Amino acid sequence: MPDAAEAGVLHSYCQNGDGGFCADHESASDIKDTSLAVIAFACAGKNLSDLQNGSDPAKYLIAHQRDLDNLSNVEAHTARYVVAVTSAGQNPRDINGKDYVKELKSYLKPDGKAGAENYIWDDAWIAIALAACNESGSNETRELIEHLKSIQTEKGGWAWTGGSGDVDPDTTGIVMCALACCGEGAETDAIAKGLQYLHSEQNADGGFSTLGSNAATDALAILAIRAAGQDPAEWKAKSSDPLQHLMSLQKDDGAVWWKSDSEGMSFEWTANMLMALAGGTFPPAHHHGTTTLK
């Protein structure tokens, strides 16, 4: 599990006085970044009450829920937000009077697809969010999962467009997490073929990606491997494994860079590292609908 120093970089450098988080210490709080941070801290087993920097991050999420309406690709952002509020112990069926379980299901089409055409990250995040709301067995979720399984490619992975070309390990990782948290076990064809594909995309340094090993792909692959019931430390490539490669991208200040010589979106990659190294379940908490925050 990540130690306090690893988790602390997000808290110390990226949390503002309103309780929200931002990509760097000079920016305003952002609902996407705050959602990601809350999920990461929950995965790492951190108590959100210890992260009050003038205010509570959970209260920031509740107070700024309307910010979701101003984001493009609202389906994926809303789903991530739902995972965050459930991780913070709130009732997704009543956030200031809004039922986000109903909202998520409204994004689904009769054929199981969700959100924008030719983009399946939103489908995967909605499935993960519904699982966090204890809705993995609902008809809507099962139709969504069947849709995701139906567009698995011959290579065993998934393409972000939902087509047969441009298969990538990042998309494959998030889709496998969605399938696993909705009940698809390691023995199923979809998960087994997904693991085979990830093996084919592992590089000699232990990391993943057709663009060269990087933190973004490492984290999603590690989450998928764990979701499938395997230990990423056992995925050795020469002398290294995915965990070792991911940790090699962490700098002295705790931030994780995309590659060792390329910072990229270090806040997001650091949050994803916390999720990947925590070793727990993803999503981090399933909500039982007992709390309402007004």
Foldseek 3Di string as FASTA:
>chain_A
DDDPLLLCLQLPFFADLAQAGDLGNVDDGDLQLLLLNLQLCLLLVHQQVVSHNNHTSLVVLLVCVVVLVVDPQSLLSLLSSLLNNLSNVAFCCARPHHNSLVVLLVQADPQLAGDDAQFCSSLLSSLLSCLLQVNLPPPSSVSNLVLLLVLQEPQLAAARRSHRPNGWLLRRLSNLLSNLSSPDELPDPSLVSSVNNQLVQQDLQAAGTPVDGWLSSLLSNLLNCVSNVHHQQPSHRPHHHSLVLQVVQADPSSFGAGHVPHRPSRSSSSSSNSNSPSSARPSSHRHDRDHHDD
